[in-house]
Amino acid sequence: MTTPTAALLPQGPRGPQVRPTGRRGVLRPTARRAEAVAGALLAAPATLVFVVFMFVPLALTLWFSLHEWGGFGPMTWVGGENYTEIAGDPVFWKAFGNTIVFTVLTVPLGMALGLLAAVLLNRALPARGLLRALVYVPVVVSGVAAGVIFLRLFDPIRGVVNQVAGTLGLPQVDWQSSGTAALASVVVVVTWQGVGFAMVVYLAALQGVPREVYEAAAVDGAGPGRTFRSITWPLLAPTTWFLVVYSVILSFQAFDVVYVLTRGGPGTSTTFLVQYAYDQGFTQLRQGYAAALGVIIYVVVLALTVVQWRVSRRGGDA
C-alpha cells in the first residue's frame, strides 16, 4: 500500500526515488564534498592554463620592473626607480598622448563604419554574402602584412595614394616625413583592419532584434531614422559597450602596424606605448624599464575597462 508521502515522491522503475538529502532537504556533507571535488577537477585544466599564461607572466613583469636588467647577467634591485624615471620621461608622455589620440580616432571611427556596414548588409542585397566577406577579409590579414601593403600604397613617390591624388589635382602628401600624415596613415590602416570585426558583431546583434518590433514601428508610422534612433540603437547598447572595451584594449596594444609602417617616426610623432616599451626592452636593452612600462599599460587598460564596465552596468540598470 502506497502512503500519501510516497505518492508525492518521483516515481522510478522500482518505486519512489529518494534523493541523498538531509532532514532539511539539503545535500549531505559527503555529497557536497564530492560535488566540490568534481567541480575542481573539471576546472583544473582551465585554471592551470590561466595561471601559467596570465598570472605568472604578470607577476614576473612586476618583479622585473623593480630591477635594472639588460636581459643577460644578474639583475640589480632598484625598487621604484624605474617608475620615478618614467614619471619624468618626456618620451613616455609623448607616447602616452599619441596612444590617447590614436584611441580617440580609431575606436569611434571603426565602430561607426562597422555599424554602417552591418546595417547596410543586414538587408536583402544581391551578393550579400560576398560583400560581407570582402568587408571582413582585412580582419584576417596580419598586421605585418597590412603594414607592408600600405607602406607601398603610401610611398611619397611611387605610392598609389599620391598618384591618385595627383590625378585628381590634389596636393601630394609626404606620408613618412610629416608627423600628422604618418599618424593619419596608421589610423587608416588600423581602422581598415577593425571595421570587419565590428560589422560581424553588430550583424549578430541586429539579427537578434525581433522583427515584430520593426513591424510595429512601421505600423505606427516611424521612418528609418526614427526606427534606428528609438529601436535599433538602444537595443545595440550592450554590443556597443562590448566593442568599446575591446577596441580600447586593442588600441593600447597597437604595435605591428606602427612598427612596419612608421617605426614610431618621424621623430616620436607615431610612437605609442607598446612600441616605446619594445624599443626600451629590445633596442636599448633596458628590460626593467620596459617591464615598468608594461605594468603601467596594464594598469591603464584595467582602469579603463573597470570604468567602462561600471558605466555600462549603470546604464543597464537604469
C-alpha atoms as a PDB file:
ATOM      1  CA  MET A   1       0.000   0.000   0.000  1.00  0.00           C
ATOM      2  CA  THR A   2       1.393   3.424  -1.007  1.00  0.00           C
ATOM      3  CA  THR A   3       1.459   6.107   1.676  1.00  0.00           C
ATOM      4  CA  PRO A   4       0.449   9.718   0.784  1.00  0.00           C
ATOM      5  CA  THR A   5       4.055  10.918   1.217  1.00  0.00           C
ATOM      6  CA  ALA A   6       5.437   8.211  -1.015  1.00  0.00           C
ATOM      7  CA  ALA A   7       2.851   9.066  -3.633  1.00  0.00           C
ATOM      8  CA  LEU A   8       4.347  12.621  -3.863  1.00  0.00           C
ATOM      9  CA  LEU A   9       7.898  11.352  -4.488  1.00  0.00           C
ATOM     10  CA  PRO A  10       9.254  10.984  -8.059  1.00  0.00           C
ATOM     11  CA  GLN A  11       8.470   7.517  -9.316  1.00  0.00           C
ATOM     12  CA  GLY A  12      11.320   5.359 -10.652  1.00  0.00           C
ATOM     13  CA  PRO A  13      11.159   1.993 -12.343  1.00  0.00           C
ATOM     14  CA  ARG A  14      11.480   0.303  -8.940  1.00  0.00           C
ATOM     15  CA  GLY A  15       9.399   2.623  -6.871  1.00  0.00           C
ATOM     16  CA  PRO A  16       9.831   6.092  -5.324  1.00  0.00           C
ATOM     17  CA  GLN A  17      13.274   7.736  -5.783  1.00  0.00           C
ATOM     18  CA  VAL A  18      14.795   9.214  -2.646  1.00  0.00           C
ATOM     19  CA  ARG A  19      17.437  11.966  -3.128  1.00  0.00           C
ATOM     20  CA  PRO A  20      20.543  11.897  -0.896  1.00  0.00           C
ATOM     21  CA  THR A  21      19.385  14.820   1.239  1.00  0.00           C
ATOM     22  CA  GLY A  22      19.400  15.518   4.935  1.00  0.00           C
ATOM     23  CA  ARG A  23      16.429  16.214   7.114  1.00  0.00           C
ATOM     24  CA  ARG A  24      16.121  19.793   5.822  1.00  0.00           C
ATOM     25  CA  GLY A  25      16.288  18.946   2.105  1.00  0.00           C
ATOM     26  CA  VAL A  26      19.970  19.849   1.569  1.00  0.00           C
ATOM     27  CA  LEU A  27      22.754  17.706   0.175  1.00  0.00           C
ATOM     28  CA  ARG A  28      24.614  15.612   2.699  1.00  0.00           C
ATOM     29  CA  PRO A  29      28.233  16.692   3.512  1.00  0.00           C
ATOM     30  CA  THR A  30      29.631  13.723   1.606  1.00  0.00           C
ATOM     31  CA  ALA A  31      27.651  14.613  -1.495  1.00  0.00           C
ATOM     32  CA  ARG A  32      28.685  18.262  -1.226  1.00  0.00           C
ATOM     33  CA  ARG A  33      32.358  17.336  -0.943  1.00  0.00           C
ATOM     34  CA  ALA A  34      32.091  15.012  -3.926  1.00  0.00           C
ATOM     35  CA  GLU A  35      30.423  17.731  -5.957  1.00  0.00           C
ATOM     36  CA  ALA A  36      33.122  20.277  -4.981  1.00  0.00           C
ATOM     37  CA  VAL A  37      35.925  17.863  -5.851  1.00  0.00           C
ATOM     38  CA  ALA A  38      34.347  17.088  -9.223  1.00  0.00           C
ATOM     39  CA  GLY A  39      33.980  20.796  -9.963  1.00  0.00           C
ATOM     40  CA  ALA A  40      37.594  21.489  -9.002  1.00  0.00           C
ATOM     41  CA  LEU A  41      38.852  18.625 -11.188  1.00  0.00           C
ATOM     42  CA  LEU A  42      36.834  19.823 -14.174  1.00  0.00           C
ATOM     43  CA  ALA A  43      38.071  23.409 -13.756  1.00  0.00           C
ATOM     44  CA  ALA A  44      41.685  22.433 -13.071  1.00  0.00           C
ATOM     45  CA  PRO A  45      42.965  22.403 -16.716  1.00  0.00           C
ATOM     46  CA  ALA A  46      41.498  25.851 -17.472  1.00  0.00           C
ATOM     47  CA  THR A  47      42.722  27.210 -14.135  1.00  0.00           C
ATOM     48  CA  LEU A  48      46.230  25.857 -14.764  1.00  0.00           C
ATOM     49  CA  VAL A  49      46.389  27.458 -18.221  1.00  0.00           C
ATOM     50  CA  PHE A  50      45.088  30.744 -16.836  1.00  0.00           C
ATOM     51  CA  VAL A  51      47.654  30.791 -14.009  1.00  0.00           C
ATOM     52  CA  VAL A  52      50.615  29.797 -16.214  1.00  0.00           C
ATOM     53  CA  PHE A  53      49.877  32.165 -19.088  1.00  0.00           C
ATOM     54  CA  MET A  54      48.274  35.058 -17.169  1.00  0.00           C
ATOM     55  CA  PHE A  55      49.283  35.373 -13.531  1.00  0.00           C
ATOM     56  CA  VAL A  56      52.858  34.070 -13.779  1.00  0.00           C
ATOM     57  CA  PRO A  57      53.881  36.470 -16.621  1.00  0.00           C
ATOM     58  CA  LEU A  58      52.112  39.306 -14.822  1.00  0.00           C
ATOM     59  CA  ALA A  59      53.956  38.589 -11.575  1.00  0.00           C
ATOM     60  CA  LEU A  60      57.297  38.266 -13.422  1.00  0.00           C
ATOM     61  CA  THR A  61      56.711  41.569 -15.234  1.00  0.00           C
ATOM     62  CA  LEU A  62      56.041  43.284 -11.921  1.00  0.00           C
ATOM     63  CA  TRP A  63      59.191  41.688 -10.445  1.00  0.00           C
ATOM     64  CA  PHE A  64      61.362  42.730 -13.417  1.00  0.00           C
ATOM     65  CA  SER A  65      60.013  46.296 -13.221  1.00  0.00           C
ATOM     66  CA  LEU A  66      61.643  46.630  -9.799  1.00  0.00           C
ATOM     67  CA  HIS A  67      65.103  45.753 -11.169  1.00  0.00           C
ATOM     68  CA  GLU A  68      67.662  47.086 -13.576  1.00  0.00           C
ATOM     69  CA  TRP A  69      68.401  44.348 -16.078  1.00  0.00           C
ATOM     70  CA  GLY A  70      69.740  44.244 -19.623  1.00  0.00           C
ATOM     71  CA  GLY A  71      68.383  40.806 -20.436  1.00  0.00           C
ATOM     72  CA  PHE A  72      71.632  38.994 -19.533  1.00  0.00           C
ATOM     73  CA  GLY A  73      73.535  38.555 -16.296  1.00  0.00           C
ATOM     74  CA  PRO A  74      72.352  39.313 -12.770  1.00  0.00           C
ATOM     75  CA  MET A  75      69.574  41.770 -12.013  1.00  0.00           C
ATOM     76  CA  THR A  76      70.053  44.779  -9.737  1.00  0.00           C
ATOM     77  CA  TRP A  77      67.300  45.734  -7.334  1.00  0.00           C
ATOM     78  CA  VAL A  78      66.253  49.385  -7.857  1.00  0.00           C
ATOM     79  CA  GLY A  79      62.823  49.397  -6.237  1.00  0.00           C
ATOM     80  CA  GLY A  80      60.585  52.081  -7.725  1.00  0.00           C
ATOM     81  CA  GLU A  81      63.323  53.976  -9.579  1.00  0.00           C
ATOM     82  CA  ASN A  82      62.050  52.837 -12.969  1.00  0.00           C
ATOM     83  CA  TYR A  83      58.606  54.278 -12.205  1.00  0.00           C
ATOM     84  CA  THR A  84      60.150  57.522 -10.929  1.00  0.00           C
ATOM     85  CA  GLU A  85      62.178  57.838 -14.124  1.00  0.00           C
ATOM     86  CA  ILE A  86      59.090  57.153 -16.258  1.00  0.00           C
ATOM     87  CA  ALA A  87      57.208  59.959 -14.493  1.00  0.00           C
ATOM     88  CA  GLY A  88      59.875  62.427 -15.701  1.00  0.00           C
ATOM     89  CA  ASP A  89      60.396  60.867 -19.134  1.00  0.00           C
ATOM     90  CA  PRO A  90      59.133  63.251 -21.875  1.00  0.00           C
ATOM     91  CA  VAL A  91      59.146  60.469 -24.482  1.00  0.00           C
ATOM     92  CA  PHE A  92      56.828  58.397 -22.307  1.00  0.00           C
ATOM     93  CA  TRP A  93      54.335  61.260 -22.035  1.00  0.00           C
ATOM     94  CA  LYS A  94      54.580  61.856 -25.775  1.00  0.00           C
ATOM     95  CA  ALA A  95      53.880  58.160 -26.407  1.00  0.00           C
ATOM     96  CA  PHE A  96      51.022  58.240 -23.897  1.00  0.00           C
ATOM     97  CA  GLY A  97      49.473  61.266 -25.640  1.00  0.00           C
ATOM     98  CA  ASN A  98      49.898  59.640 -29.059  1.00  0.00           C
ATOM     99  CA  THR A  99      48.166  56.497 -27.774  1.00  0.00           C
ATOM    100  CA  ILE A 100      45.246  58.521 -26.418  1.00  0.00           C
ATOM    101  CA  VAL A 101      44.854  60.426 -29.716  1.00  0.00           C
ATOM    102  CA  PHE A 102      45.136  57.167 -31.650  1.00  0.00           C
ATOM    103  CA  THR A 103      42.448  55.561 -29.442  1.00  0.00           C
ATOM    104  CA  VAL A 104      40.097  58.543 -29.720  1.00  0.00           C
ATOM    105  CA  LEU A 105      40.376  58.451 -33.513  1.00  0.00           C
ATOM    106  CA  THR A 106      40.321  54.730 -34.280  1.00  0.00           C
ATOM    107  CA  VAL A 107      37.730  53.410 -31.810  1.00  0.00           C
ATOM    108  CA  PRO A 108      34.736  55.635 -32.780  1.00  0.00           C
ATOM    109  CA  LEU A 109      35.675  55.597 -36.470  1.00  0.00           C
ATOM    110  CA  GLY A 110      35.989  51.821 -36.672  1.00  0.00           C
ATOM    111  CA  MET A 111      32.779  51.236 -34.719  1.00  0.00           C
ATOM    112  CA  ALA A 112      30.786  53.764 -36.791  1.00  0.00           C
ATOM    113  CA  LEU A 113      31.937  52.245 -40.082  1.00  0.00           C
ATOM    114  CA  GLY A 114      31.285  48.745 -38.752  1.00  0.00           C
ATOM    115  CA  LEU A 115      27.767  49.715 -37.676  1.00  0.00           C
ATOM    116  CA  LEU A 116      27.107  51.335 -41.064  1.00  0.00           C
ATOM    117  CA  ALA A 117      28.307  48.221 -42.884  1.00  0.00           C
ATOM    118  CA  ALA A 118      26.208  45.976 -40.613  1.00  0.00           C
ATOM    119  CA  VAL A 119      23.031  47.999 -41.167  1.00  0.00           C
ATOM    120  CA  LEU A 120      23.549  48.063 -44.944  1.00  0.00           C
ATOM    121  CA  LEU A 121      24.484  44.382 -45.247  1.00  0.00           C
ATOM    122  CA  ASN A 122      21.688  43.228 -42.944  1.00  0.00           C
ATOM    123  CA  ARG A 123      19.232  43.945 -45.737  1.00  0.00           C
ATOM    124  CA  ALA A 124      18.344  41.733 -48.699  1.00  0.00           C
ATOM    125  CA  LEU A 125      21.013  42.583 -51.296  1.00  0.00           C
ATOM    126  CA  PRO A 126      22.461  40.705 -54.256  1.00  0.00           C
ATOM    127  CA  ALA A 127      25.801  39.068 -53.400  1.00  0.00           C
ATOM    128  CA  ARG A 128      25.322  39.996 -49.749  1.00  0.00           C
ATOM    129  CA  GLY A 129      27.500  37.144 -48.538  1.00  0.00           C
ATOM    130  CA  LEU A 130      30.335  38.185 -50.839  1.00  0.00           C
ATOM    131  CA  LEU A 131      30.120  41.792 -49.681  1.00  0.00           C
ATOM    132  CA  ARG A 132      30.243  40.695 -46.030  1.00  0.00           C
ATOM    133  CA  ALA A 133      33.292  38.563 -46.757  1.00  0.00           C
ATOM    134  CA  LEU A 134      35.054  41.444 -48.523  1.00  0.00           C
ATOM    135  CA  VAL A 135      34.497  43.716 -45.518  1.00  0.00           C
ATOM    136  CA  TYR A 136      35.730  41.018 -43.127  1.00  0.00           C
ATOM    137  CA  VAL A 137      38.852  39.995 -45.080  1.00  0.00           C
ATOM    138  CA  PRO A 138      41.133  42.702 -43.528  1.00  0.00           C
ATOM    139  CA  VAL A 139      40.480  41.195 -40.078  1.00  0.00           C
ATOM    140  CA  VAL A 140      42.364  38.023 -41.024  1.00  0.00           C
ATOM    141  CA  VAL A 141      45.250  39.925 -42.605  1.00  0.00           C
ATOM    142  CA  SER A 142      48.189  40.098 -40.207  1.00  0.00           C
ATOM    143  CA  GLY A 143      49.325  43.498 -39.008  1.00  0.00           C
ATOM    144  CA  VAL A 144      52.756  42.998 -40.565  1.00  0.00           C
ATOM    145  CA  ALA A 145      51.271  42.172 -43.981  1.00  0.00           C
ATOM    146  CA  ALA A 146      48.875  45.123 -43.757  1.00  0.00           C
ATOM    147  CA  GLY A 147      51.763  47.412 -42.824  1.00  0.00           C
ATOM    148  CA  VAL A 148      53.831  46.252 -45.814  1.00  0.00           C
ATOM    149  CA  ILE A 149      50.887  46.693 -48.214  1.00  0.00           C
ATOM    150  CA  PHE A 150      50.078  50.192 -47.037  1.00  0.00           C
ATOM    151  CA  LEU A 151      53.764  51.116 -46.880  1.00  0.00           C
ATOM    152  CA  ARG A 152      53.783  50.699 -50.673  1.00  0.00           C
ATOM    153  CA  LEU A 153      50.463  52.498 -51.096  1.00  0.00           C
ATOM    154  CA  PHE A 154      51.589  55.483 -49.008  1.00  0.00           C
ATOM    155  CA  ASP A 155      55.017  55.748 -50.639  1.00  0.00           C
ATOM    156  CA  PRO A 156      55.546  59.504 -51.266  1.00  0.00           C
ATOM    157  CA  ILE A 157      57.000  58.982 -54.782  1.00  0.00           C
ATOM    158  CA  ARG A 158      55.665  55.726 -56.221  1.00  0.00           C
ATOM    159  CA  GLY A 159      52.651  55.144 -53.965  1.00  0.00           C
ATOM    160  CA  VAL A 160      49.186  54.728 -55.449  1.00  0.00           C
ATOM    161  CA  VAL A 161      47.657  57.193 -52.988  1.00  0.00           C
ATOM    162  CA  ASN A 162      49.798  60.132 -54.108  1.00  0.00           C
ATOM    163  CA  GLN A 163      49.434  59.163 -57.776  1.00  0.00           C
ATOM    164  CA  VAL A 164      45.638  59.175 -57.485  1.00  0.00           C
ATOM    165  CA  ALA A 165      45.805  62.475 -55.585  1.00  0.00           C
ATOM    166  CA  GLY A 166      47.953  63.968 -58.359  1.00  0.00           C
ATOM    167  CA  THR A 167      45.498  62.779 -60.999  1.00  0.00           C
ATOM    168  CA  LEU A 168      42.660  64.484 -59.144  1.00  0.00           C
ATOM    169  CA  GLY A 169      44.687  67.683 -58.756  1.00  0.00           C
ATOM    170  CA  LEU A 170      45.094  67.260 -55.004  1.00  0.00           C
ATOM    171  CA  PRO A 171      48.365  68.165 -53.239  1.00  0.00           C
ATOM    172  CA  GLN A 172      50.972  65.462 -52.673  1.00  0.00           C
ATOM    173  CA  VAL A 173      51.393  64.289 -49.093  1.00  0.00           C
ATOM    174  CA  ASP A 174      54.677  63.122 -47.610  1.00  0.00           C
ATOM    175  CA  TRP A 175      53.297  60.271 -45.529  1.00  0.00           C
ATOM    176  CA  GLN A 176      56.666  59.395 -43.977  1.00  0.00           C
ATOM    177  CA  SER A 177      58.156  62.818 -43.181  1.00  0.00           C
ATOM    178  CA  SER A 178      55.087  64.615 -41.831  1.00  0.00           C
ATOM    179  CA  GLY A 179      54.069  63.631 -38.312  1.00  0.00           C
ATOM    180  CA  THR A 180      50.375  64.337 -38.862  1.00  0.00           C
ATOM    181  CA  ALA A 181      50.312  62.459 -42.171  1.00  0.00           C
ATOM    182  CA  ALA A 182      52.168  59.491 -40.655  1.00  0.00           C
ATOM    183  CA  LEU A 183      49.676  59.316 -37.772  1.00  0.00           C
ATOM    184  CA  ALA A 184      46.795  59.564 -40.263  1.00  0.00           C
ATOM    185  CA  SER A 185      48.223  56.659 -42.276  1.00  0.00           C
ATOM    186  CA  VAL A 186      48.403  54.485 -39.154  1.00  0.00           C
ATOM    187  CA  VAL A 187      44.816  55.410 -38.242  1.00  0.00           C
ATOM    188  CA  VAL A 188      43.640  54.479 -41.762  1.00  0.00           C
ATOM    189  CA  VAL A 189      45.308  51.048 -41.685  1.00  0.00           C
ATOM    190  CA  VAL A 190      44.140  50.107 -38.177  1.00  0.00           C
ATOM    191  CA  THR A 191      40.596  51.294 -38.922  1.00  0.00           C
ATOM    192  CA  TRP A 192      40.601  49.312 -42.175  1.00  0.00           C
ATOM    193  CA  GLN A 193      41.527  46.204 -40.207  1.00  0.00           C
ATOM    194  CA  GLY A 194      38.935  46.737 -37.471  1.00  0.00           C
ATOM    195  CA  VAL A 195      35.781  47.533 -39.451  1.00  0.00           C
ATOM    196  CA  GLY A 196      35.110  43.892 -40.338  1.00  0.00           C
ATOM    197  CA  PHE A 197      35.105  42.700 -36.731  1.00  0.00           C
ATOM    198  CA  ALA A 198      32.729  45.472 -35.649  1.00  0.00           C
ATOM    199  CA  MET A 199      30.484  44.654 -38.605  1.00  0.00           C
ATOM    200  CA  VAL A 200      30.237  40.965 -37.667  1.00  0.00           C
ATOM    201  CA  VAL A 201      29.454  41.727 -34.012  1.00  0.00           C
ATOM    202  CA  TYR A 202      26.831  44.322 -34.937  1.00  0.00           C
ATOM    203  CA  LEU A 203      25.331  41.963 -37.543  1.00  0.00           C
ATOM    204  CA  ALA A 204      24.875  39.267 -34.899  1.00  0.00           C
ATOM    205  CA  ALA A 205      23.180  41.788 -32.615  1.00  0.00           C
ATOM    206  CA  LEU A 206      20.929  43.138 -35.375  1.00  0.00           C
ATOM    207  CA  GLN A 207      19.748  39.661 -36.303  1.00  0.00           C
ATOM    208  CA  GLY A 208      18.741  39.113 -32.680  1.00  0.00           C
ATOM    209  CA  VAL A 209      16.269  42.028 -32.722  1.00  0.00           C
ATOM    210  CA  PRO A 210      12.708  40.668 -33.112  1.00  0.00           C
ATOM    211  CA  ARG A 211      11.214  41.537 -36.484  1.00  0.00           C
ATOM    212  CA  GLU A 212       7.861  42.211 -34.796  1.00  0.00           C
ATOM    213  CA  VAL A 213       9.348  45.313 -33.168  1.00  0.00           C
ATOM    214  CA  TYR A 214      10.199  46.826 -36.551  1.00  0.00           C
ATOM    215  CA  GLU A 215       6.783  45.843 -37.922  1.00  0.00           C
ATOM    216  CA  ALA A 216       5.055  47.585 -35.000  1.00  0.00           C
ATOM    217  CA  ALA A 217       7.181  50.707 -35.554  1.00  0.00           C
ATOM    218  CA  ALA A 218       6.259  50.710 -39.244  1.00  0.00           C
ATOM    219  CA  VAL A 219       2.567  50.422 -38.354  1.00  0.00           C
ATOM    220  CA  ASP A 220       2.981  53.447 -36.053  1.00  0.00           C
ATOM    221  CA  GLY A 221       4.450  55.412 -38.963  1.00  0.00           C
ATOM    222  CA  ALA A 222       8.095  55.529 -37.798  1.00  0.00           C
ATOM    223  CA  GLY A 223      10.566  56.238 -40.604  1.00  0.00           C
ATOM    224  CA  PRO A 224      14.021  54.653 -40.965  1.00  0.00           C
ATOM    225  CA  GLY A 225      15.737  57.406 -38.946  1.00  0.00           C
ATOM    226  CA  ARG A 226      13.261  57.281 -36.066  1.00  0.00           C
ATOM    227  CA  THR A 227      13.331  53.483 -36.073  1.00  0.00           C
ATOM    228  CA  PHE A 228      17.117  53.479 -35.806  1.00  0.00           C
ATOM    229  CA  ARG A 229      17.181  56.094 -33.010  1.00  0.00           C
ATOM    230  CA  SER A 230      14.334  54.607 -30.952  1.00  0.00           C
ATOM    231  CA  ILE A 231      14.725  50.869 -31.530  1.00  0.00           C
ATOM    232  CA  THR A 232      17.959  49.757 -33.169  1.00  0.00           C
ATOM    233  CA  TRP A 233      20.466  51.947 -31.327  1.00  0.00           C
ATOM    234  CA  PRO A 234      19.079  51.331 -27.776  1.00  0.00           C
ATOM    235  CA  LEU A 235      18.933  47.583 -28.389  1.00  0.00           C
ATOM    236  CA  LEU A 236      22.543  47.641 -29.618  1.00  0.00           C
ATOM    237  CA  ALA A 237      23.817  49.352 -26.449  1.00  0.00           C
ATOM    238  CA  PRO A 238      25.300  46.190 -24.823  1.00  0.00           C
ATOM    239  CA  THR A 239      27.027  45.312 -28.084  1.00  0.00           C
ATOM    240  CA  THR A 240      28.385  48.841 -28.380  1.00  0.00           C
ATOM    241  CA  TRP A 241      29.822  48.711 -24.857  1.00  0.00           C
ATOM    242  CA  PHE A 242      31.500  45.403 -25.585  1.00  0.00           C
ATOM    243  CA  LEU A 243      33.070  46.845 -28.743  1.00  0.00           C
ATOM    244  CA  VAL A 244      34.217  49.977 -26.901  1.00  0.00           C
ATOM    245  CA  VAL A 245      36.034  47.952 -24.236  1.00  0.00           C
ATOM    246  CA  TYR A 246      37.505  45.517 -26.745  1.00  0.00           C
ATOM    247  CA  SER A 247      38.619  48.254 -29.158  1.00  0.00           C
ATOM    248  CA  VAL A 248      40.212  50.401 -26.440  1.00  0.00           C
ATOM    249  CA  ILE A 249      42.223  47.416 -25.204  1.00  0.00           C
ATOM    250  CA  LEU A 250      43.380  46.669 -28.751  1.00  0.00           C
ATOM    251  CA  SER A 251      44.295  50.297 -29.417  1.00  0.00           C
ATOM    252  CA  PHE A 252      46.551  50.345 -26.335  1.00  0.00           C
ATOM    253  CA  GLN A 253      48.268  47.229 -27.701  1.00  0.00           C
ATOM    254  CA  ALA A 254      48.876  48.617 -31.212  1.00  0.00           C
ATOM    255  CA  PHE A 255      52.355  47.649 -32.317  1.00  0.00           C
ATOM    256  CA  ASP A 256      52.822  45.614 -35.505  1.00  0.00           C
ATOM    257  CA  VAL A 257      51.235  48.041 -37.983  1.00  0.00           C
ATOM    258  CA  VAL A 258      53.012  51.001 -36.399  1.00  0.00           C
ATOM    259  CA  TYR A 259      56.374  49.253 -36.332  1.00  0.00           C
ATOM    260  CA  VAL A 260      56.217  48.260 -40.010  1.00  0.00           C
ATOM    261  CA  LEU A 261      54.619  51.445 -41.320  1.00  0.00           C
ATOM    262  CA  THR A 262      56.413  54.246 -39.449  1.00  0.00           C
ATOM    263  CA  ARG A 263      58.625  52.675 -36.721  1.00  0.00           C
ATOM    264  CA  GLY A 264      57.330  55.399 -34.446  1.00  0.00           C
ATOM    265  CA  GLY A 265      58.525  58.268 -36.623  1.00  0.00           C
ATOM    266  CA  PRO A 266      59.135  60.739 -37.864  1.00  0.00           C
ATOM    267  CA  GLY A 267      60.713  61.616 -34.521  1.00  0.00           C
ATOM    268  CA  THR A 268      58.231  60.416 -31.911  1.00  0.00           C
ATOM    269  CA  SER A 269      55.071  61.533 -33.735  1.00  0.00           C
ATOM    270  CA  THR A 270      53.733  57.949 -34.019  1.00  0.00           C
ATOM    271  CA  THR A 271      55.479  56.391 -31.024  1.00  0.00           C
ATOM    272  CA  PHE A 272      52.878  54.549 -28.953  1.00  0.00           C
ATOM    273  CA  LEU A 273      53.258  52.980 -25.517  1.00  0.00           C
ATOM    274  CA  VAL A 274      53.831  49.386 -26.612  1.00  0.00           C
ATOM    275  CA  GLN A 275      56.329  50.397 -29.261  1.00  0.00           C
ATOM    276  CA  TYR A 276      58.192  52.559 -26.751  1.00  0.00           C
ATOM    277  CA  ALA A 277      58.315  49.620 -24.325  1.00  0.00           C
ATOM    278  CA  TYR A 278      59.623  47.378 -27.106  1.00  0.00           C
ATOM    279  CA  ASP A 279      62.289  49.936 -28.018  1.00  0.00           C
ATOM    280  CA  GLN A 280      63.424  50.248 -24.400  1.00  0.00           C
ATOM    281  CA  GLY A 281      63.454  46.495 -23.809  1.00  0.00           C
ATOM    282  CA  PHE A 282      64.996  45.125 -27.012  1.00  0.00           C
ATOM    283  CA  THR A 283      66.831  48.064 -28.590  1.00  0.00           C
ATOM    284  CA  GLN A 284      68.116  49.896 -25.514  1.00  0.00           C
ATOM    285  CA  LEU A 285      68.320  46.609 -23.527  1.00  0.00           C
ATOM    286  CA  ARG A 286      66.542  48.123 -20.525  1.00  0.00           C
ATOM    287  CA  GLN A 287      64.322  45.188 -19.612  1.00  0.00           C
ATOM    288  CA  GLY A 288      63.393  46.545 -16.193  1.00  0.00           C
ATOM    289  CA  TYR A 289      62.334  49.913 -17.598  1.00  0.00           C
ATOM    290  CA  ALA A 290      60.328  48.173 -20.351  1.00  0.00           C
ATOM    291  CA  ALA A 291      58.658  45.954 -17.738  1.00  0.00           C
ATOM    292  CA  ALA A 292      57.673  49.051 -15.757  1.00  0.00           C
ATOM    293  CA  LEU A 293      56.119  50.493 -18.925  1.00  0.00           C
ATOM    294  CA  GLY A 294      54.230  47.236 -19.389  1.00  0.00           C
ATOM    295  CA  VAL A 295      52.869  47.407 -15.849  1.00  0.00           C
ATOM    296  CA  ILE A 296      51.686  50.980 -16.438  1.00  0.00           C
ATOM    297  CA  ILE A 297      49.938  49.963 -19.690  1.00  0.00           C
ATOM    298  CA  TYR A 298      48.246  47.087 -17.835  1.00  0.00           C
ATOM    299  CA  VAL A 299      47.032  49.367 -15.043  1.00  0.00           C
ATOM    300  CA  VAL A 300      45.704  51.981 -17.506  1.00  0.00           C
ATOM    301  CA  VAL A 301      43.819  49.384 -19.574  1.00  0.00           C
ATOM    302  CA  LEU A 302      42.461  47.740 -16.414  1.00  0.00           C
ATOM    303  CA  ALA A 303      41.248  51.103 -15.068  1.00  0.00           C
ATOM    304  CA  LEU A 304      39.556  51.994 -18.366  1.00  0.00           C
ATOM    305  CA  THR A 305      37.888  48.591 -18.518  1.00  0.00           C
ATOM    306  CA  VAL A 306      36.560  48.859 -14.958  1.00  0.00           C
ATOM    307  CA  VAL A 307      35.216  52.370 -15.602  1.00  0.00           C
ATOM    308  CA  GLN A 308      33.501  51.335 -18.831  1.00  0.00           C
ATOM    309  CA  TRP A 309      32.106  48.199 -17.190  1.00  0.00           C
ATOM    310  CA  ARG A 310      30.643  50.184 -14.288  1.00  0.00           C
ATOM    311  CA  VAL A 311      29.165  52.767 -16.667  1.00  0.00           C
ATOM    312  CA  SER A 312      27.604  50.042 -18.817  1.00  0.00           C
ATOM    313  CA  ARG A 313      26.137  48.337 -15.734  1.00  0.00           C
ATOM    314  CA  ARG A 314      24.700  51.629 -14.527  1.00  0.00           C
ATOM    315  CA  GLY A 315      23.163  52.211 -17.973  1.00  0.00           C
ATOM    316  CA  GLY A 316      21.720  48.686 -17.991  1.00  0.00           C
ATOM    317  CA  ASP A 317      20.173  49.086 -14.527  1.00  0.00           C
ATOM    318  CA  ALA A 318      18.611  52.451 -15.465  1.00  0.00           C
END
